[in-house]
Amino acid sequence: MLRYALTLVIFALLALSPAPVWADEAAPLTKIEPLTIATENDATMFTVEIADTEQSRERGLMFRQRLPENRGMLFDFGEPRPVSMWMKNTYIPLDMLFIRADGTIAYIAENTVPKSLDTVGITEPVLGVLELAGGTTKKLGIRSGDKVYHRLFGTAQ
C-alpha cells in the first residue's frame, strides 16, 4: 500500500512539474518543406521549418542545441520589408541569408554569435530569411546573388 501511494505521489509531481527545456528544443514547427539554393557551380537541397506566424518567428531556433547540415528555418515575413534578427537564447552559430521576393540572396550574415543581443539585418526589403548552421554558406560557396528555390519566392522546385 505504501509503495502504491509513493508511486502516485511521484507521478503527480512529474505531471505538475514544468517541462524541461530540452523537451521542447528539438520540436520542429508544424510546416516542413524542401528548399534549394543554386550557386554558380552547384545546387543544394535543404529541409526547412517554416516560421510564418508572429509566434514562430519570435521563437525561431531559440534553445536548439544543434542544427543538422541539411536543415534550416525559413522566416516568411508575408511581404518585403527591412528585417532585423538577433540571437537571443540561440545556442548555436547560424548563417542568416536575407532573401528578396524574387528568391535572390541580398545579404548573408555568416556565423552569427550565439546568445548575442546585437541586431543583424538589412535595410533593403526582403521577403524571407533562411537560417542555416553556421559555416554552411562558406562550405557550400553560397554568396549574395545566388538563387533560392521555394514556393515563398514563386520559385517552387
N, C-alpha and C. Protein backbone atom coordinates (compact mmCIF):
# COMPACT_ATOMS: atom_id res chain seq x y z
N MET A 1 0.82 -1.18 0.00
CA MET A 1 0.00 0.00 0.00
C MET A 1 0.87 1.26 0.00
N LEU A 2 1.92 1.27 0.82
CA LEU A 2 2.81 2.42 0.87
C LEU A 2 3.51 2.63 -0.48
N ARG A 3 3.93 1.53 -1.09
CA ARG A 3 4.58 1.63 -2.40
C ARG A 3 3.62 2.24 -3.43
N TYR A 4 2.35 1.85 -3.41
CA TYR A 4 1.35 2.37 -4.32
C TYR A 4 1.15 3.87 -4.10
N ALA A 5 1.09 4.29 -2.85
CA ALA A 5 0.91 5.71 -2.51
C ALA A 5 2.11 6.53 -2.97
N LEU A 6 3.32 6.02 -2.75
CA LEU A 6 4.52 6.72 -3.20
C LEU A 6 4.56 6.84 -4.73
N THR A 7 4.15 5.80 -5.41
CA THR A 7 4.12 5.82 -6.88
C THR A 7 3.15 6.90 -7.36
N LEU A 8 1.99 6.99 -6.74
CA LEU A 8 1.01 8.03 -7.10
C LEU A 8 1.57 9.43 -6.86
N VAL A 9 2.25 9.63 -5.75
CA VAL A 9 2.84 10.94 -5.43
C VAL A 9 3.90 11.30 -6.47
N ILE A 10 4.73 10.36 -6.83
CA ILE A 10 5.79 10.62 -7.81
C ILE A 10 5.17 10.99 -9.16
N PHE A 11 4.16 10.24 -9.60
CA PHE A 11 3.52 10.57 -10.87
C PHE A 11 2.84 11.94 -10.82
N ALA A 12 2.24 12.26 -9.71
CA ALA A 12 1.60 13.56 -9.57
C ALA A 12 2.62 14.70 -9.65
N LEU A 13 3.76 14.52 -8.98
CA LEU A 13 4.81 15.54 -9.03
C LEU A 13 5.36 15.69 -10.45
N LEU A 14 5.55 14.58 -11.14
CA LEU A 14 6.04 14.65 -12.51
C LEU A 14 5.04 15.35 -13.42
N ALA A 15 3.77 15.08 -13.21
CA ALA A 15 2.74 15.69 -14.05
C ALA A 15 2.63 17.19 -13.80
N LEU A 16 2.86 17.62 -12.57
CA LEU A 16 2.73 19.04 -12.23
C LEU A 16 3.98 19.85 -12.47
N SER A 17 5.12 19.19 -12.59
CA SER A 17 6.37 19.94 -12.77
C SER A 17 6.45 20.47 -14.19
N PRO A 18 7.09 21.64 -14.38
CA PRO A 18 7.21 22.18 -15.72
C PRO A 18 8.10 21.30 -16.59
N ALA A 19 7.82 21.31 -17.89
CA ALA A 19 8.62 20.50 -18.81
C ALA A 19 10.04 21.03 -18.87
N PRO A 20 11.02 20.17 -18.93
CA PRO A 20 12.40 20.65 -19.05
C PRO A 20 12.60 21.35 -20.39
N VAL A 21 13.56 22.24 -20.44
CA VAL A 21 13.84 23.00 -21.65
C VAL A 21 14.09 22.07 -22.83
N TRP A 22 14.80 20.99 -22.63
CA TRP A 22 15.15 20.11 -23.74
C TRP A 22 13.95 19.43 -24.34
N ALA A 23 12.84 19.33 -23.63
CA ALA A 23 11.67 18.64 -24.17
C ALA A 23 11.10 19.38 -25.37
N ASP A 24 11.29 20.69 -25.42
CA ASP A 24 10.72 21.49 -26.50
C ASP A 24 11.76 21.88 -27.54
N GLU A 25 13.03 21.80 -27.22
CA GLU A 25 14.04 22.38 -28.09
C GLU A 25 14.13 21.74 -29.45
N ALA A 26 13.87 20.46 -29.57
CA ALA A 26 14.01 19.81 -30.85
C ALA A 26 12.67 19.67 -31.58
N ALA A 27 11.60 20.14 -30.95
CA ALA A 27 10.30 20.02 -31.58
C ALA A 27 10.20 20.96 -32.76
N PRO A 28 10.09 20.40 -33.96
CA PRO A 28 10.02 21.27 -35.14
C PRO A 28 8.67 21.98 -35.23
N LEU A 29 8.65 23.04 -35.98
CA LEU A 29 7.39 23.69 -36.29
C LEU A 29 6.58 22.73 -37.14
N THR A 30 5.32 23.02 -37.29
CA THR A 30 4.46 22.06 -37.98
C THR A 30 4.73 21.98 -39.48
N LYS A 31 5.21 23.03 -40.10
CA LYS A 31 5.43 23.01 -41.54
C LYS A 31 6.90 22.74 -41.85
N ILE A 32 7.13 21.68 -42.58
CA ILE A 32 8.49 21.34 -43.01
C ILE A 32 8.44 21.17 -44.52
N GLU A 33 9.34 21.88 -45.22
CA GLU A 33 9.29 21.91 -46.68
C GLU A 33 10.69 21.85 -47.28
N PRO A 34 10.79 21.43 -48.55
CA PRO A 34 12.08 21.44 -49.22
C PRO A 34 12.42 22.83 -49.75
N LEU A 35 13.69 23.12 -49.84
CA LEU A 35 14.20 24.39 -50.36
C LEU A 35 15.53 24.08 -51.02
N THR A 36 15.79 24.73 -52.14
CA THR A 36 17.06 24.52 -52.85
C THR A 36 17.76 25.85 -53.06
N ILE A 37 19.07 25.85 -52.89
CA ILE A 37 19.89 27.03 -53.19
C ILE A 37 20.80 26.66 -54.36
N ALA A 38 20.71 27.49 -55.42
CA ALA A 38 21.56 27.28 -56.59
C ALA A 38 22.68 28.30 -56.58
N THR A 39 23.90 27.79 -56.58
CA THR A 39 25.09 28.64 -56.66
C THR A 39 25.60 28.62 -58.10
N GLU A 40 26.69 29.29 -58.34
CA GLU A 40 27.29 29.30 -59.67
C GLU A 40 27.66 27.90 -60.14
N ASN A 41 28.07 27.04 -59.21
CA ASN A 41 28.58 25.72 -59.58
C ASN A 41 27.74 24.53 -59.16
N ASP A 42 26.73 24.74 -58.32
CA ASP A 42 26.04 23.59 -57.75
C ASP A 42 24.66 24.00 -57.26
N ALA A 43 23.89 23.02 -56.82
CA ALA A 43 22.60 23.26 -56.16
C ALA A 43 22.53 22.33 -54.97
N THR A 44 22.04 22.85 -53.85
CA THR A 44 21.95 22.06 -52.63
C THR A 44 20.54 22.14 -52.09
N MET A 45 19.98 20.99 -51.74
CA MET A 45 18.63 20.93 -51.18
C MET A 45 18.71 20.88 -49.65
N PHE A 46 17.80 21.63 -49.03
CA PHE A 46 17.67 21.65 -47.58
C PHE A 46 16.24 21.30 -47.21
N THR A 47 16.05 20.84 -45.99
CA THR A 47 14.73 20.65 -45.42
C THR A 47 14.58 21.75 -44.38
N VAL A 48 13.54 22.58 -44.54
CA VAL A 48 13.42 23.75 -43.66
C VAL A 48 12.09 23.76 -42.93
N GLU A 49 12.14 24.25 -41.71
CA GLU A 49 10.94 24.53 -40.94
C GLU A 49 10.48 25.93 -41.36
N ILE A 50 9.19 26.12 -41.46
CA ILE A 50 8.63 27.40 -41.90
C ILE A 50 8.14 28.18 -40.68
N ALA A 51 8.67 29.38 -40.52
CA ALA A 51 8.24 30.28 -39.44
C ALA A 51 7.44 31.40 -40.11
N ASP A 52 6.10 31.25 -40.11
CA ASP A 52 5.25 32.20 -40.82
C ASP A 52 4.19 32.84 -39.94
N THR A 53 4.33 32.66 -38.63
CA THR A 53 3.44 33.34 -37.68
C THR A 53 4.31 34.19 -36.76
N GLU A 54 3.72 35.16 -36.13
CA GLU A 54 4.48 36.01 -35.21
C GLU A 54 5.15 35.16 -34.13
N GLN A 55 4.40 34.21 -33.58
CA GLN A 55 4.95 33.36 -32.52
C GLN A 55 6.12 32.52 -33.01
N SER A 56 5.99 31.90 -34.18
CA SER A 56 7.07 31.05 -34.68
C SER A 56 8.29 31.88 -35.09
N ARG A 57 8.07 33.11 -35.60
CA ARG A 57 9.21 33.97 -35.95
C ARG A 57 9.92 34.45 -34.68
N GLU A 58 9.17 34.75 -33.62
CA GLU A 58 9.80 35.18 -32.37
C GLU A 58 10.63 34.06 -31.76
N ARG A 59 10.16 32.84 -31.82
CA ARG A 59 10.86 31.70 -31.22
C ARG A 59 12.05 31.26 -32.09
N GLY A 60 11.84 31.21 -33.39
CA GLY A 60 12.92 30.83 -34.29
C GLY A 60 13.63 29.57 -33.85
N LEU A 61 14.95 29.61 -33.83
CA LEU A 61 15.77 28.46 -33.44
C LEU A 61 16.28 28.58 -32.00
N MET A 62 15.59 29.39 -31.20
CA MET A 62 15.98 29.52 -29.78
C MET A 62 15.98 28.15 -29.10
N PHE A 63 16.92 28.00 -28.20
CA PHE A 63 17.05 26.84 -27.32
C PHE A 63 17.51 25.56 -28.02
N ARG A 64 17.76 25.60 -29.31
CA ARG A 64 18.25 24.41 -30.01
C ARG A 64 19.72 24.21 -29.66
N GLN A 65 20.10 22.97 -29.48
CA GLN A 65 21.49 22.64 -29.16
C GLN A 65 22.29 22.29 -30.41
N ARG A 66 21.60 21.99 -31.52
CA ARG A 66 22.28 21.65 -32.76
C ARG A 66 21.33 21.85 -33.93
N LEU A 67 21.89 21.94 -35.11
CA LEU A 67 21.12 22.05 -36.34
C LEU A 67 21.87 21.25 -37.40
N PRO A 68 21.30 20.15 -37.87
CA PRO A 68 21.99 19.34 -38.88
C PRO A 68 22.32 20.16 -40.13
N GLU A 69 23.35 19.74 -40.85
CA GLU A 69 23.83 20.47 -42.03
C GLU A 69 22.77 20.72 -43.08
N ASN A 70 21.89 19.77 -43.30
CA ASN A 70 20.92 19.90 -44.38
C ASN A 70 19.57 20.45 -43.92
N ARG A 71 19.53 21.03 -42.73
CA ARG A 71 18.28 21.57 -42.17
C ARG A 71 18.41 23.07 -41.98
N GLY A 72 17.27 23.72 -41.81
CA GLY A 72 17.27 25.15 -41.58
C GLY A 72 15.88 25.62 -41.19
N MET A 73 15.75 26.93 -41.07
CA MET A 73 14.47 27.55 -40.78
C MET A 73 14.30 28.73 -41.72
N LEU A 74 13.14 28.79 -42.39
CA LEU A 74 12.82 29.87 -43.30
C LEU A 74 11.77 30.77 -42.66
N PHE A 75 12.13 32.03 -42.46
CA PHE A 75 11.23 33.01 -41.88
C PHE A 75 10.49 33.71 -43.02
N ASP A 76 9.17 33.62 -43.02
CA ASP A 76 8.31 34.23 -44.03
C ASP A 76 7.70 35.49 -43.41
N PHE A 77 8.03 36.65 -43.97
CA PHE A 77 7.53 37.91 -43.41
C PHE A 77 6.27 38.41 -44.12
N GLY A 78 5.74 37.63 -45.06
CA GLY A 78 4.48 37.97 -45.69
C GLY A 78 4.57 38.97 -46.82
N GLU A 79 5.41 39.95 -46.65
CA GLU A 79 5.65 40.96 -47.69
C GLU A 79 7.05 41.51 -47.50
N PRO A 80 7.66 42.01 -48.58
CA PRO A 80 9.03 42.53 -48.45
C PRO A 80 9.10 43.70 -47.47
N ARG A 81 10.14 43.66 -46.62
CA ARG A 81 10.36 44.73 -45.64
C ARG A 81 11.78 44.65 -45.11
N PRO A 82 12.30 45.74 -44.57
CA PRO A 82 13.60 45.66 -43.89
C PRO A 82 13.46 44.73 -42.68
N VAL A 83 14.47 43.92 -42.44
CA VAL A 83 14.39 42.90 -41.39
C VAL A 83 15.62 42.96 -40.51
N SER A 84 15.40 42.82 -39.20
CA SER A 84 16.49 42.68 -38.22
C SER A 84 16.23 41.43 -37.40
N MET A 85 17.29 40.68 -37.15
CA MET A 85 17.21 39.45 -36.36
C MET A 85 18.18 39.59 -35.19
N TRP A 86 18.07 38.69 -34.22
CA TRP A 86 19.03 38.62 -33.13
C TRP A 86 19.21 37.17 -32.73
N MET A 87 20.14 36.93 -31.82
CA MET A 87 20.50 35.57 -31.43
C MET A 87 20.13 35.26 -29.97
N LYS A 88 19.23 36.04 -29.40
CA LYS A 88 18.83 35.81 -28.00
C LYS A 88 18.39 34.35 -27.82
N ASN A 89 18.92 33.71 -26.80
CA ASN A 89 18.59 32.33 -26.46
C ASN A 89 18.86 31.33 -27.59
N THR A 90 19.71 31.70 -28.52
CA THR A 90 20.10 30.79 -29.60
C THR A 90 21.51 30.33 -29.28
N TYR A 91 21.66 29.03 -29.09
CA TYR A 91 22.90 28.47 -28.55
C TYR A 91 23.91 28.04 -29.60
N ILE A 92 23.55 28.14 -30.87
CA ILE A 92 24.44 27.68 -31.93
C ILE A 92 24.68 28.82 -32.93
N PRO A 93 25.86 28.90 -33.52
CA PRO A 93 26.10 29.93 -34.55
C PRO A 93 25.27 29.61 -35.79
N LEU A 94 24.78 30.64 -36.42
CA LEU A 94 23.95 30.47 -37.61
C LEU A 94 24.46 31.34 -38.76
N ASP A 95 24.19 30.90 -39.97
CA ASP A 95 24.32 31.75 -41.15
C ASP A 95 22.91 32.24 -41.46
N MET A 96 22.74 33.55 -41.60
CA MET A 96 21.43 34.13 -41.92
C MET A 96 21.48 34.66 -43.34
N LEU A 97 20.59 34.15 -44.19
CA LEU A 97 20.52 34.56 -45.58
C LEU A 97 19.26 35.41 -45.76
N PHE A 98 19.43 36.67 -46.11
CA PHE A 98 18.32 37.60 -46.31
C PHE A 98 17.94 37.53 -47.79
N ILE A 99 16.68 37.18 -48.07
CA ILE A 99 16.28 36.81 -49.42
C ILE A 99 15.19 37.74 -49.96
N ARG A 100 15.44 38.27 -51.16
CA ARG A 100 14.48 39.15 -51.83
C ARG A 100 13.25 38.36 -52.29
N ALA A 101 12.21 39.08 -52.68
CA ALA A 101 10.97 38.45 -53.12
C ALA A 101 11.15 37.58 -54.36
N ASP A 102 12.16 37.87 -55.18
CA ASP A 102 12.40 37.05 -56.38
C ASP A 102 13.28 35.83 -56.10
N GLY A 103 13.66 35.63 -54.85
CA GLY A 103 14.45 34.47 -54.46
C GLY A 103 15.95 34.67 -54.47
N THR A 104 16.42 35.85 -54.86
CA THR A 104 17.87 36.07 -54.84
C THR A 104 18.31 36.47 -53.44
N ILE A 105 19.50 36.04 -53.10
CA ILE A 105 20.05 36.34 -51.77
C ILE A 105 20.62 37.76 -51.79
N ALA A 106 20.11 38.62 -50.92
CA ALA A 106 20.55 40.01 -50.85
C ALA A 106 21.78 40.16 -49.96
N TYR A 107 21.84 39.40 -48.87
CA TYR A 107 22.90 39.57 -47.88
C TYR A 107 23.02 38.29 -47.06
N ILE A 108 24.23 37.98 -46.64
CA ILE A 108 24.47 36.83 -45.77
C ILE A 108 25.25 37.29 -44.55
N ALA A 109 24.71 37.01 -43.38
CA ALA A 109 25.42 37.22 -42.11
C ALA A 109 25.95 35.85 -41.70
N GLU A 110 27.28 35.67 -41.78
CA GLU A 110 27.88 34.36 -41.51
C GLU A 110 28.25 34.21 -40.04
N ASN A 111 28.06 32.99 -39.54
CA ASN A 111 28.47 32.62 -38.18
C ASN A 111 28.08 33.65 -37.13
N THR A 112 26.81 33.95 -37.05
CA THR A 112 26.33 34.91 -36.05
C THR A 112 26.66 34.39 -34.65
N VAL A 113 26.81 35.30 -33.73
CA VAL A 113 27.30 34.97 -32.39
C VAL A 113 26.16 34.47 -31.50
N PRO A 114 26.27 33.23 -30.98
CA PRO A 114 25.24 32.70 -30.10
C PRO A 114 24.96 33.62 -28.91
N LYS A 115 23.69 33.72 -28.57
CA LYS A 115 23.17 34.47 -27.42
C LYS A 115 23.34 35.98 -27.52
N SER A 116 23.84 36.49 -28.63
CA SER A 116 24.07 37.93 -28.78
C SER A 116 22.74 38.68 -28.90
N LEU A 117 22.68 39.85 -28.28
CA LEU A 117 21.51 40.71 -28.41
C LEU A 117 21.71 41.77 -29.49
N ASP A 118 22.87 41.75 -30.15
CA ASP A 118 23.11 42.68 -31.26
C ASP A 118 22.19 42.30 -32.42
N THR A 119 21.67 43.31 -33.11
CA THR A 119 20.81 43.02 -34.24
C THR A 119 21.63 42.77 -35.49
N VAL A 120 21.12 41.88 -36.31
CA VAL A 120 21.72 41.54 -37.60
C VAL A 120 20.61 41.78 -38.61
N GLY A 121 20.88 42.64 -39.60
CA GLY A 121 19.79 42.91 -40.52
C GLY A 121 20.23 43.60 -41.79
N ILE A 122 19.22 44.04 -42.52
CA ILE A 122 19.41 44.67 -43.81
C ILE A 122 18.30 45.71 -44.00
N THR A 123 18.66 46.85 -44.55
CA THR A 123 17.65 47.89 -44.78
C THR A 123 16.88 47.66 -46.08
N GLU A 124 17.47 46.90 -47.01
CA GLU A 124 16.77 46.55 -48.24
C GLU A 124 15.59 45.63 -47.89
N PRO A 125 14.42 45.87 -48.46
CA PRO A 125 13.28 44.99 -48.17
C PRO A 125 13.53 43.55 -48.64
N VAL A 126 13.28 42.60 -47.76
CA VAL A 126 13.38 41.18 -48.10
C VAL A 126 12.09 40.48 -47.69
N LEU A 127 11.80 39.38 -48.37
CA LEU A 127 10.59 38.63 -48.07
C LEU A 127 10.84 37.54 -47.03
N GLY A 128 12.08 37.06 -46.97
CA GLY A 128 12.37 35.98 -46.04
C GLY A 128 13.81 35.96 -45.58
N VAL A 129 14.03 35.22 -44.52
CA VAL A 129 15.37 34.98 -44.00
C VAL A 129 15.49 33.48 -43.78
N LEU A 130 16.58 32.91 -44.29
CA LEU A 130 16.87 31.50 -44.10
C LEU A 130 18.01 31.37 -43.11
N GLU A 131 17.79 30.61 -42.05
CA GLU A 131 18.85 30.34 -41.08
C GLU A 131 19.36 28.92 -41.29
N LEU A 132 20.67 28.82 -41.45
CA LEU A 132 21.35 27.54 -41.61
C LEU A 132 22.43 27.42 -40.54
N ALA A 133 22.93 26.23 -40.34
CA ALA A 133 24.03 26.02 -39.39
C ALA A 133 25.20 26.91 -39.77
N GLY A 134 25.84 27.51 -38.76
CA GLY A 134 26.99 28.38 -39.00
C GLY A 134 28.07 27.69 -39.81
N GLY A 135 28.58 28.38 -40.83
CA GLY A 135 29.63 27.84 -41.67
C GLY A 135 29.12 27.17 -42.94
N THR A 136 27.82 26.96 -43.04
CA THR A 136 27.26 26.27 -44.21
C THR A 136 27.48 27.06 -45.50
N THR A 137 27.27 28.37 -45.45
CA THR A 137 27.39 29.16 -46.69
C THR A 137 28.83 29.15 -47.21
N LYS A 138 29.78 29.25 -46.31
CA LYS A 138 31.19 29.22 -46.72
C LYS A 138 31.54 27.84 -47.29
N LYS A 139 31.12 26.79 -46.60
CA LYS A 139 31.43 25.42 -47.01
C LYS A 139 30.85 25.11 -48.40
N LEU A 140 29.65 25.62 -48.69
CA LEU A 140 28.98 25.32 -49.95
C LEU A 140 29.20 26.39 -51.03
N GLY A 141 29.90 27.46 -50.67
CA GLY A 141 30.15 28.52 -51.65
C GLY A 141 28.91 29.35 -51.98
N ILE A 142 28.00 29.48 -51.02
CA ILE A 142 26.78 30.27 -51.23
C ILE A 142 27.13 31.74 -51.03
N ARG A 143 26.68 32.58 -51.98
CA ARG A 143 27.01 34.00 -51.94
C ARG A 143 25.78 34.86 -52.24
N SER A 144 25.89 36.14 -51.94
CA SER A 144 24.85 37.09 -52.33
C SER A 144 24.67 37.00 -53.83
N GLY A 145 23.42 37.06 -54.27
CA GLY A 145 23.10 36.95 -55.69
C GLY A 145 22.69 35.55 -56.11
N ASP A 146 23.04 34.53 -55.29
CA ASP A 146 22.61 33.17 -55.60
C ASP A 146 21.10 33.08 -55.44
N LYS A 147 20.52 32.03 -56.01
CA LYS A 147 19.07 31.90 -56.09
C LYS A 147 18.53 30.83 -55.15
N VAL A 148 17.44 31.19 -54.44
CA VAL A 148 16.75 30.26 -53.55
C VAL A 148 15.46 29.84 -54.23
N TYR A 149 15.25 28.52 -54.31
CA TYR A 149 14.04 27.98 -54.92
C TYR A 149 13.13 27.43 -53.84
N HIS A 150 11.97 28.07 -53.72
CA HIS A 150 10.96 27.69 -52.73
C HIS A 150 9.66 28.37 -53.11
N ARG A 151 8.54 27.79 -52.74
CA ARG A 151 7.24 28.36 -53.09
C ARG A 151 7.05 29.78 -52.61
N LEU A 152 7.67 30.15 -51.49
CA LEU A 152 7.55 31.50 -50.95
C LEU A 152 7.99 32.56 -51.96
N PHE A 153 9.00 32.23 -52.75
CA PHE A 153 9.56 33.19 -53.70
C PHE A 153 9.03 32.97 -55.12
N GLY A 154 7.98 32.15 -55.24
CA GLY A 154 7.41 31.87 -56.55
C GLY A 154 8.35 31.06 -57.42
N THR A 155 9.27 30.37 -56.76
CA THR A 155 10.27 29.57 -57.47
C THR A 155 10.27 28.16 -56.94
N ALA A 156 9.07 27.57 -56.88
CA ALA A 156 8.95 26.21 -56.33
C ALA A 156 9.82 25.25 -57.13
N GLN A 157 10.26 24.21 -56.45
CA GLN A 157 11.18 23.24 -57.05
C GLN A 157 10.47 22.35 -58.03
